[in-house]
Structure formats: C-alpha cells, structure tokens
Amino acid sequence: MNVRIHYLGLVKTYTNQSQDEMELKEGATLSDLLNKLAADFGKQFMQEIYEPGVKDVKPMFTIMVNGVIIGQLNGLETKLKDRDTIILMPLMTGG
C-alpha cells in the first residue's frame, strides 16, 4: 500500500522535505511508518520527533491521519490504508 506523508513546520527541518510517499506492507500501523521514517531520517529525527520503541511521538509534536489527530484514533497502533494521508507537525506553529 502507498501512503502520503506531509511534514509541517519544524518537522520539515529534520526531514529536509515537505512531503513524501512511502510504500508499506498491508496491515501496517502508524508505528511501523514512524519506525521506517526514523531509520530513513536518522538520529536528529529520533531525538526530536520519534524514538523507535517509545509508545508516542515527542511531546511537542502530533500526527494526523486523514485529518484526524491520532488521539482520536488508536494512537500509534492506528492501522493505515492505501492512499492515507499522514501529517507530522508541531503542536503549534506561528507566523
């Protein structure tokens, strides 16, 4: 399955891009996606946004799946579907 990821605000500085597409196996969860992103983007991403093995993103960040904040879904265990849109962003941005 293929998902689209948007990186907003400070997240964009850790990824050096504003969006991406990723191929995942069927039944993958948000945690699976974040583990893959952590492996791709490395140490700074893990220190600032998400550390594999931890049950949540760092406190200053949040994630939306198809416009719904993960706290209203099943958190990092939210199952992803083909063509889902995931947004990684700081809790607040300014301007």
PDB file of N, CA and C in Angstrom:
ATOM      1  N   MET A   1       0.845  -1.177   0.000  1.00  0.00           N
ATOM      2  CA  MET A   1       0.000   0.000   0.000  1.00  0.00           C
ATOM      3  C   MET A   1       0.889   1.238   0.000  1.00  0.00           C
ATOM      4  N   ASN A   2       0.341   2.323  -0.475  1.00  0.00           N
ATOM      5  CA  ASN A   2       1.095   3.558  -0.603  1.00  0.00           C
ATOM      6  C   ASN A   2       0.426   4.640   0.239  1.00  0.00           C
ATOM      7  N   VAL A   3       1.219   5.345   1.064  1.00  0.00           N
ATOM      8  CA  VAL A   3       0.696   6.454   1.861  1.00  0.00           C
ATOM      9  C   VAL A   3       1.488   7.719   1.533  1.00  0.00           C
ATOM     10  N   ARG A   4       0.839   8.839   1.738  1.00  0.00           N
ATOM     11  CA  ARG A   4       1.478  10.141   1.507  1.00  0.00           C
ATOM     12  C   ARG A   4       1.716  10.791   2.865  1.00  0.00           C
ATOM     13  N   ILE A   5       2.914  11.336   3.056  1.00  0.00           N
ATOM     14  CA  ILE A   5       3.274  11.980   4.319  1.00  0.00           C
ATOM     15  C   ILE A   5       3.607  13.441   4.048  1.00  0.00           C
ATOM     16  N   HIS A   6       3.035  14.333   4.865  1.00  0.00           N
ATOM     17  CA  HIS A   6       3.346  15.760   4.797  1.00  0.00           C
ATOM     18  C   HIS A   6       4.089  16.138   6.077  1.00  0.00           C
ATOM     19  N   TYR A   7       5.175  16.890   5.923  1.00  0.00           N
ATOM     20  CA  TYR A   7       5.971  17.349   7.058  1.00  0.00           C
ATOM     21  C   TYR A   7       5.774  18.856   7.180  1.00  0.00           C
ATOM     22  N   LEU A   8       5.236  19.300   8.309  1.00  0.00           N
ATOM     23  CA  LEU A   8       4.949  20.719   8.508  1.00  0.00           C
ATOM     24  C   LEU A   8       5.853  21.326   9.570  1.00  0.00           C
ATOM     25  N   GLY A   9       6.065  22.635   9.438  1.00  0.00           N
ATOM     26  CA  GLY A   9       6.809  23.389  10.439  1.00  0.00           C
ATOM     27  C   GLY A   9       8.198  22.831  10.700  1.00  0.00           C
ATOM     28  N   LEU A  10       8.518  22.699  11.959  1.00  0.00           N
ATOM     29  CA  LEU A  10       9.837  22.244  12.387  1.00  0.00           C
ATOM     30  C   LEU A  10      10.171  20.844  11.871  1.00  0.00           C
ATOM     31  N   VAL A  11       9.165  20.005  11.684  1.00  0.00           N
ATOM     32  CA  VAL A  11       9.408  18.650  11.177  1.00  0.00           C
ATOM     33  C   VAL A  11      10.115  18.713   9.831  1.00  0.00           C
ATOM     34  N   LYS A  12       9.747  19.695   9.025  1.00  0.00           N
ATOM     35  CA  LYS A  12      10.350  19.869   7.710  1.00  0.00           C
ATOM     36  C   LYS A  12      11.863  20.091   7.805  1.00  0.00           C
ATOM     37  N   THR A  13      12.329  20.734   8.855  1.00  0.00           N
ATOM     38  CA  THR A  13      13.767  20.973   9.000  1.00  0.00           C
ATOM     39  C   THR A  13      14.526  19.686   9.314  1.00  0.00           C
ATOM     40  N   TYR A  14      13.856  18.716   9.941  1.00  0.00           N
ATOM     41  CA  TYR A  14      14.518  17.441  10.256  1.00  0.00           C
ATOM     42  C   TYR A  14      14.482  16.457   9.092  1.00  0.00           C
ATOM     43  N   THR A  15      13.559  16.664   8.162  1.00  0.00           N
ATOM     44  CA  THR A  15      13.438  15.758   7.024  1.00  0.00           C
ATOM     45  C   THR A  15      13.990  16.352   5.732  1.00  0.00           C
ATOM     46  N   ASN A  16      14.172  17.671   5.712  1.00  0.00           N
ATOM     47  CA  ASN A  16      14.629  18.392   4.515  1.00  0.00           C
ATOM     48  C   ASN A  16      13.689  18.210   3.333  1.00  0.00           C
ATOM     49  N   GLN A  17      12.419  17.991   3.610  1.00  0.00           N
ATOM     50  CA  GLN A  17      11.416  17.912   2.556  1.00  0.00           C
ATOM     51  C   GLN A  17      10.046  18.201   3.157  1.00  0.00           C
ATOM     52  N   SER A  18       9.122  18.593   2.302  1.00  0.00           N
ATOM     53  CA  SER A  18       7.791  18.930   2.799  1.00  0.00           C
ATOM     54  C   SER A  18       6.791  17.790   2.642  1.00  0.00           C
ATOM     55  N   GLN A  19       7.083  16.845   1.761  1.00  0.00           N
ATOM     56  CA  GLN A  19       6.198  15.687   1.621  1.00  0.00           C
ATOM     57  C   GLN A  19       6.949  14.508   1.042  1.00  0.00           C
ATOM     58  N   ASP A  20       6.309  13.353   1.148  1.00  0.00           N
ATOM     59  CA  ASP A  20       6.945  12.111   0.735  1.00  0.00           C
ATOM     60  C   ASP A  20       5.837  11.094   0.475  1.00  0.00           C
ATOM     61  N   GLU A  21       6.159  10.074  -0.267  1.00  0.00           N
ATOM     62  CA  GLU A  21       5.278   8.926  -0.410  1.00  0.00           C
ATOM     63  C   GLU A  21       6.055   7.700   0.009  1.00  0.00           C
ATOM     64  N   MET A  22       5.357   6.757   0.641  1.00  0.00           N
ATOM     65  CA  MET A  22       6.043   5.581   1.127  1.00  0.00           C
ATOM     66  C   MET A  22       5.198   4.346   0.872  1.00  0.00           C
ATOM     67  N   GLU A  23       5.875   3.301   0.481  1.00  0.00           N
ATOM     68  CA  GLU A  23       5.238   2.002   0.276  1.00  0.00           C
ATOM     69  C   GLU A  23       5.361   1.208   1.578  1.00  0.00           C
ATOM     70  N   LEU A  24       4.242   0.713   2.072  1.00  0.00           N
ATOM     71  CA  LEU A  24       4.208  -0.084   3.302  1.00  0.00           C
ATOM     72  C   LEU A  24       3.478  -1.391   3.025  1.00  0.00           C
ATOM     73  N   LYS A  25       3.740  -2.391   3.846  1.00  0.00           N
ATOM     74  CA  LYS A  25       3.021  -3.652   3.681  1.00  0.00           C
ATOM     75  C   LYS A  25       1.598  -3.508   4.214  1.00  0.00           C
ATOM     76  N   GLU A  26       0.699  -4.299   3.677  1.00  0.00           N
ATOM     77  CA  GLU A  26      -0.691  -4.284   4.124  1.00  0.00           C
ATOM     78  C   GLU A  26      -0.758  -4.549   5.631  1.00  0.00           C
ATOM     79  N   GLY A  27      -1.641  -3.842   6.308  1.00  0.00           N
ATOM     80  CA  GLY A  27      -1.799  -4.022   7.747  1.00  0.00           C
ATOM     81  C   GLY A  27      -0.819  -3.224   8.583  1.00  0.00           C
ATOM     82  N   ALA A  28       0.019  -2.391   7.943  1.00  0.00           N
ATOM     83  CA  ALA A  28       1.000  -1.586   8.680  1.00  0.00           C
ATOM     84  C   ALA A  28       0.284  -0.570   9.570  1.00  0.00           C
ATOM     85  N   THR A  29       0.920  -0.254  10.680  1.00  0.00           N
ATOM     86  CA  THR A  29       0.386   0.727  11.615  1.00  0.00           C
ATOM     87  C   THR A  29       1.188   2.029  11.514  1.00  0.00           C
ATOM     88  N   LEU A  30       0.689   3.044  12.162  1.00  0.00           N
ATOM     89  CA  LEU A  30       1.397   4.316  12.224  1.00  0.00           C
ATOM     90  C   LEU A  30       2.771   4.125  12.861  1.00  0.00           C
ATOM     91  N   SER A  31       2.863   3.263  13.840  1.00  0.00           N
ATOM     92  CA  SER A  31       4.148   2.952  14.475  1.00  0.00           C
ATOM     93  C   SER A  31       5.136   2.360  13.462  1.00  0.00           C
ATOM     94  N   ASP A  32       4.659   1.472  12.594  1.00  0.00           N
ATOM     95  CA  ASP A  32       5.522   0.902  11.545  1.00  0.00           C
ATOM     96  C   ASP A  32       6.059   2.001  10.637  1.00  0.00           C
ATOM     97  N   LEU A  33       5.189   2.921  10.264  1.00  0.00           N
ATOM     98  CA  LEU A  33       5.612   4.040   9.416  1.00  0.00           C
ATOM     99  C   LEU A  33       6.664   4.888  10.121  1.00  0.00           C
ATOM    100  N   LEU A  34       6.420   5.235  11.390  1.00  0.00           N
ATOM    101  CA  LEU A  34       7.372   6.073  12.128  1.00  0.00           C
ATOM    102  C   LEU A  34       8.714   5.376  12.321  1.00  0.00           C
ATOM    103  N   ASN A  35       8.700   4.073  12.533  1.00  0.00           N
ATOM    104  CA  ASN A  35       9.961   3.331  12.636  1.00  0.00           C
ATOM    105  C   ASN A  35      10.755   3.428  11.339  1.00  0.00           C
ATOM    106  N   LYS A  36      10.051   3.333  10.223  1.00  0.00           N
ATOM    107  CA  LYS A  36      10.709   3.447   8.919  1.00  0.00           C
ATOM    108  C   LYS A  36      11.254   4.868   8.708  1.00  0.00           C
ATOM    109  N   LEU A  37      10.468   5.870   9.076  1.00  0.00           N
ATOM    110  CA  LEU A  37      10.929   7.253   8.949  1.00  0.00           C
ATOM    111  C   LEU A  37      12.144   7.510   9.839  1.00  0.00           C
ATOM    112  N   ALA A  38      12.130   6.980  11.052  1.00  0.00           N
ATOM    113  CA  ALA A  38      13.268   7.151  11.966  1.00  0.00           C
ATOM    114  C   ALA A  38      14.528   6.528  11.369  1.00  0.00           C
ATOM    115  N   ALA A  39      14.389   5.368  10.756  1.00  0.00           N
ATOM    116  CA  ALA A  39      15.544   4.723  10.121  1.00  0.00           C
ATOM    117  C   ALA A  39      16.030   5.546   8.933  1.00  0.00           C
ATOM    118  N   ASP A  40      15.106   6.109   8.165  1.00  0.00           N
ATOM    119  CA  ASP A  40      15.478   6.904   6.987  1.00  0.00           C
ATOM    120  C   ASP A  40      16.109   8.242   7.358  1.00  0.00           C
ATOM    121  N   PHE A  41      15.551   8.936   8.365  1.00  0.00           N
ATOM    122  CA  PHE A  41      15.990  10.293   8.678  1.00  0.00           C
ATOM    123  C   PHE A  41      17.030  10.368   9.794  1.00  0.00           C
ATOM    124  N   GLY A  42      17.212   9.307  10.537  1.00  0.00           N
ATOM    125  CA  GLY A  42      18.328   9.217  11.458  1.00  0.00           C
ATOM    126  C   GLY A  42      18.179   9.859  12.814  1.00  0.00           C
ATOM    127  N   LYS A  43      19.353  10.109  13.404  1.00  0.00           N
ATOM    128  CA  LYS A  43      19.491  10.490  14.807  1.00  0.00           C
ATOM    129  C   LYS A  43      18.674  11.729  15.199  1.00  0.00           C
ATOM    130  N   GLN A  44      18.748  12.790  14.428  1.00  0.00           N
ATOM    131  CA  GLN A  44      18.047  14.015  14.811  1.00  0.00           C
ATOM    132  C   GLN A  44      16.526  13.807  14.819  1.00  0.00           C
ATOM    133  N   PHE A  45      16.001  13.080  13.844  1.00  0.00           N
ATOM    134  CA  PHE A  45      14.573  12.767  13.811  1.00  0.00           C
ATOM    135  C   PHE A  45      14.187  11.982  15.064  1.00  0.00           C
ATOM    136  N   MET A  46      15.024  10.997  15.420  1.00  0.00           N
ATOM    137  CA  MET A  46      14.733  10.175  16.602  1.00  0.00           C
ATOM    138  C   MET A  46      14.820  10.981  17.892  1.00  0.00           C
ATOM    139  N   GLN A  47      15.770  11.893  17.987  1.00  0.00           N
ATOM    140  CA  GLN A  47      15.915  12.693  19.203  1.00  0.00           C
ATOM    141  C   GLN A  47      14.781  13.702  19.359  1.00  0.00           C
ATOM    142  N   GLU A  48      14.353  14.281  18.255  1.00  0.00           N
ATOM    143  CA  GLU A  48      13.406  15.394  18.333  1.00  0.00           C
ATOM    144  C   GLU A  48      11.943  15.007  18.141  1.00  0.00           C
ATOM    145  N   ILE A  49      11.653  13.976  17.329  1.00  0.00           N
ATOM    146  CA  ILE A  49      10.269  13.695  16.955  1.00  0.00           C
ATOM    147  C   ILE A  49       9.771  12.332  17.439  1.00  0.00           C
ATOM    148  N   TYR A  50      10.495  11.280  17.123  1.00  0.00           N
ATOM    149  CA  TYR A  50      10.017   9.935  17.452  1.00  0.00           C
ATOM    150  C   TYR A  50      11.191   8.989  17.639  1.00  0.00           C
ATOM    151  N   GLU A  51      11.172   8.298  18.753  1.00  0.00           N
ATOM    152  CA  GLU A  51      12.205   7.308  19.041  1.00  0.00           C
ATOM    153  C   GLU A  51      11.578   5.919  18.980  1.00  0.00           C
ATOM    154  N   PRO A  52      12.074   5.047  18.087  1.00  0.00           N
ATOM    155  CA  PRO A  52      11.508   3.699  17.991  1.00  0.00           C
ATOM    156  C   PRO A  52      11.491   3.011  19.364  1.00  0.00           C
ATOM    157  N   GLY A  53      10.420   2.312  19.623  1.00  0.00           N
ATOM    158  CA  GLY A  53      10.265   1.618  20.902  1.00  0.00           C
ATOM    159  C   GLY A  53       9.471   2.414  21.921  1.00  0.00           C
ATOM    160  N   VAL A  54       9.372   3.719  21.732  1.00  0.00           N
ATOM    161  CA  VAL A  54       8.585   4.569  22.622  1.00  0.00           C
ATOM    162  C   VAL A  54       7.153   4.577  22.089  1.00  0.00           C
ATOM    163  N   LYS A  55       6.198   4.640  22.962  1.00  0.00           N
ATOM    164  CA  LYS A  55       4.796   4.469  22.564  1.00  0.00           C
ATOM    165  C   LYS A  55       4.110   5.729  22.056  1.00  0.00           C
ATOM    166  N   ASP A  56       4.862   6.813  21.834  1.00  0.00           N
ATOM    167  CA  ASP A  56       4.247   8.052  21.355  1.00  0.00           C
ATOM    168  C   ASP A  56       5.307   8.936  20.721  1.00  0.00           C
ATOM    169  N   VAL A  57       4.858   9.956  19.997  1.00  0.00           N
ATOM    170  CA  VAL A  57       5.795  10.948  19.478  1.00  0.00           C
ATOM    171  C   VAL A  57       6.203  11.850  20.634  1.00  0.00           C
ATOM    172  N   LYS A  58       7.266  12.617  20.428  1.00  0.00           N
ATOM    173  CA  LYS A  58       7.734  13.541  21.464  1.00  0.00           C
ATOM    174  C   LYS A  58       6.623  14.558  21.778  1.00  0.00           C
ATOM    175  N   PRO A  59       6.621  15.119  22.995  1.00  0.00           N
ATOM    176  CA  PRO A  59       5.501  15.963  23.450  1.00  0.00           C
ATOM    177  C   PRO A  59       5.196  17.197  22.597  1.00  0.00           C
ATOM    178  N   MET A  60       6.142  17.709  21.855  1.00  0.00           N
ATOM    179  CA  MET A  60       5.902  18.929  21.084  1.00  0.00           C
ATOM    180  C   MET A  60       5.351  18.663  19.682  1.00  0.00           C
ATOM    181  N   PHE A  61       5.047  17.404  19.359  1.00  0.00           N
ATOM    182  CA  PHE A  61       4.607  17.047  18.016  1.00  0.00           C
ATOM    183  C   PHE A  61       3.321  16.234  18.060  1.00  0.00           C
ATOM    184  N   THR A  62       2.618  16.237  16.943  1.00  0.00           N
ATOM    185  CA  THR A  62       1.421  15.423  16.808  1.00  0.00           C
ATOM    186  C   THR A  62       1.328  14.908  15.378  1.00  0.00           C
ATOM    187  N   ILE A  63       0.412  13.985  15.178  1.00  0.00           N
ATOM    188  CA  ILE A  63       0.233  13.365  13.868  1.00  0.00           C
ATOM    189  C   ILE A  63      -1.258  13.314  13.560  1.00  0.00           C
ATOM    190  N   MET A  64      -1.568  13.539  12.298  1.00  0.00           N
ATOM    191  CA  MET A  64      -2.942  13.399  11.821  1.00  0.00           C
ATOM    192  C   MET A  64      -2.965  12.335  10.727  1.00  0.00           C
ATOM    193  N   VAL A  65      -4.014  11.535  10.726  1.00  0.00           N
ATOM    194  CA  VAL A  65      -4.244  10.568   9.659  1.00  0.00           C
ATOM    195  C   VAL A  65      -5.571  10.942   9.009  1.00  0.00           C
ATOM    196  N   ASN A  66      -5.500  11.332   7.754  1.00  0.00           N
ATOM    197  CA  ASN A  66      -6.700  11.759   7.008  1.00  0.00           C
ATOM    198  C   ASN A  66      -7.468  12.845   7.753  1.00  0.00           C
ATOM    199  N   GLY A  67      -6.732  13.794   8.349  1.00  0.00           N
ATOM    200  CA  GLY A  67      -7.342  14.936   9.006  1.00  0.00           C
ATOM    201  C   GLY A  67      -7.798  14.716  10.437  1.00  0.00           C
ATOM    202  N   VAL A  68      -7.535  13.535  10.997  1.00  0.00           N
ATOM    203  CA  VAL A  68      -7.954  13.237  12.370  1.00  0.00           C
ATOM    204  C   VAL A  68      -6.710  13.043  13.236  1.00  0.00           C
ATOM    205  N   ILE A  69      -6.640  13.767  14.354  1.00  0.00           N
ATOM    206  CA  ILE A  69      -5.498  13.648  15.268  1.00  0.00           C
ATOM    207  C   ILE A  69      -5.487  12.237  15.859  1.00  0.00           C
ATOM    208  N   ILE A  70      -4.287  11.665  15.980  1.00  0.00           N
ATOM    209  CA  ILE A  70      -4.171  10.258  16.390  1.00  0.00           C
ATOM    210  C   ILE A  70      -4.754   9.977  17.771  1.00  0.00           C
ATOM    211  N   GLY A  71      -4.881  10.988  18.612  1.00  0.00           N
ATOM    212  CA  GLY A  71      -5.507  10.797  19.917  1.00  0.00           C
ATOM    213  C   GLY A  71      -6.972  10.410  19.799  1.00  0.00           C
ATOM    214  N   GLN A  72      -7.583  10.741  18.683  1.00  0.00           N
ATOM    215  CA  GLN A  72      -8.976  10.384  18.446  1.00  0.00           C
ATOM    216  C   GLN A  72      -9.089   9.060  17.686  1.00  0.00           C
ATOM    217  N   LEU A  73      -7.955   8.505  17.321  1.00  0.00           N
ATOM    218  CA  LEU A  73      -7.912   7.213  16.637  1.00  0.00           C
ATOM    219  C   LEU A  73      -7.371   6.178  17.621  1.00  0.00           C
ATOM    220  N   ASN A  74      -6.499   5.324  17.161  1.00  0.00           N
ATOM    221  CA  ASN A  74      -5.913   4.302  18.021  1.00  0.00           C
ATOM    222  C   ASN A  74      -4.435   4.598  18.274  1.00  0.00           C
ATOM    223  N   GLY A  75      -4.097   5.883  18.366  1.00  0.00           N
ATOM    224  CA  GLY A  75      -2.707   6.274  18.621  1.00  0.00           C
ATOM    225  C   GLY A  75      -1.770   5.708  17.577  1.00  0.00           C
ATOM    226  N   LEU A  76      -0.592   5.301  18.007  1.00  0.00           N
ATOM    227  CA  LEU A  76       0.402   4.770  17.078  1.00  0.00           C
ATOM    228  C   LEU A  76       0.043   3.382  16.559  1.00  0.00           C
ATOM    229  N   GLU A  77      -0.976   2.773  17.140  1.00  0.00           N
ATOM    230  CA  GLU A  77      -1.433   1.462  16.653  1.00  0.00           C
ATOM    231  C   GLU A  77      -2.528   1.603  15.594  1.00  0.00           C
ATOM    232  N   THR A  78      -2.794   2.828  15.164  1.00  0.00           N
ATOM    233  CA  THR A  78      -3.762   3.065  14.096  1.00  0.00           C
ATOM    234  C   THR A  78      -3.313   2.341  12.838  1.00  0.00           C
ATOM    235  N   LYS A  79      -4.182   1.517  12.295  1.00  0.00           N
ATOM    236  CA  LYS A  79      -3.863   0.796  11.059  1.00  0.00           C
ATOM    237  C   LYS A  79      -4.016   1.749   9.881  1.00  0.00           C
ATOM    238  N   LEU A  80      -3.039   1.710   9.002  1.00  0.00           N
ATOM    239  CA  LEU A  80      -3.056   2.554   7.816  1.00  0.00           C
ATOM    240  C   LEU A  80      -3.651   1.798   6.643  1.00  0.00           C
ATOM    241  N   LYS A  81      -4.199   2.576   5.695  1.00  0.00           N
ATOM    242  CA  LYS A  81      -4.792   2.003   4.496  1.00  0.00           C
ATOM    243  C   LYS A  81      -4.152   2.653   3.270  1.00  0.00           C
ATOM    244  N   ASP A  82      -4.293   2.001   2.144  1.00  0.00           N
ATOM    245  CA  ASP A  82      -3.773   2.541   0.901  1.00  0.00           C
ATOM    246  C   ASP A  82      -4.333   3.945   0.668  1.00  0.00           C
ATOM    247  N   ARG A  83      -3.459   4.840   0.281  1.00  0.00           N
ATOM    248  CA  ARG A  83      -3.781   6.237  -0.040  1.00  0.00           C
ATOM    249  C   ARG A  83      -4.092   7.113   1.170  1.00  0.00           C
ATOM    250  N   ASP A  84      -3.807   6.649   2.381  1.00  0.00           N
ATOM    251  CA  ASP A  84      -3.957   7.514   3.548  1.00  0.00           C
ATOM    252  C   ASP A  84      -3.003   8.696   3.437  1.00  0.00           C
ATOM    253  N   THR A  85      -3.397   9.803   4.050  1.00  0.00           N
ATOM    254  CA  THR A  85      -2.547  10.988   4.137  1.00  0.00           C
ATOM    255  C   THR A  85      -2.194  11.198   5.600  1.00  0.00           C
ATOM    256  N   ILE A  86      -0.894  11.234   5.871  1.00  0.00           N
ATOM    257  CA  ILE A  86      -0.381  11.403   7.239  1.00  0.00           C
ATOM    258  C   ILE A  86       0.328  12.750   7.308  1.00  0.00           C
ATOM    259  N   ILE A  87       0.020  13.519   8.353  1.00  0.00           N
ATOM    260  CA  ILE A  87       0.671  14.811   8.565  1.00  0.00           C
ATOM    261  C   ILE A  87       1.417  14.758   9.889  1.00  0.00           C
ATOM    262  N   LEU A  88       2.731  15.014   9.838  1.00  0.00           N
ATOM    263  CA  LEU A  88       3.549  15.157  11.038  1.00  0.00           C
ATOM    264  C   LEU A  88       3.789  16.630  11.240  1.00  0.00           C
ATOM    265  N   MET A  89       3.467  17.132  12.444  1.00  0.00           N
ATOM    266  CA  MET A  89       3.580  18.570  12.657  1.00  0.00           C
ATOM    267  C   MET A  89       3.811  18.904  14.128  1.00  0.00           C
ATOM    268  N   PRO A  90       4.370  20.087  14.368  1.00  0.00           N
ATOM    269  CA  PRO A  90       4.469  20.559  15.746  1.00  0.00           C
ATOM    270  C   PRO A  90       3.068  20.870  16.263  1.00  0.00           C
ATOM    271  N   LEU A  91       2.913  20.834  17.582  1.00  0.00           N
ATOM    272  CA  LEU A  91       1.605  21.172  18.149  1.00  0.00           C
ATOM    273  C   LEU A  91       1.199  22.594  17.825  1.00  0.00           C
ATOM    274  N   MET A  92       2.178  23.498  17.748  1.00  0.00           N
ATOM    275  CA  MET A  92       1.884  24.889  17.413  1.00  0.00           C
ATOM    276  C   MET A  92       2.863  25.372  16.361  1.00  0.00           C
ATOM    277  N   THR A  93       2.364  26.160  15.456  1.00  0.00           N
ATOM    278  CA  THR A  93       3.231  26.845  14.508  1.00  0.00           C
ATOM    279  C   THR A  93       2.838  28.309  14.529  1.00  0.00           C
ATOM    280  N   GLY A  94       3.728  29.119  14.109  1.00  0.00           N
ATOM    281  CA  GLY A  94       3.420  30.538  14.133  1.00  0.00           C
ATOM    282  C   GLY A  94       3.912  31.217  12.891  1.00  0.00           C
ATOM    283  N   GLY A  95       3.518  32.435  12.799  1.00  0.00           N
ATOM    284  CA  GLY A  95       3.865  33.117  11.770  1.00  0.00           C
ATOM    285  C   GLY A  95       4.239  33.981  10.872  1.00  0.00           C
TER     286      GLY A  95
END
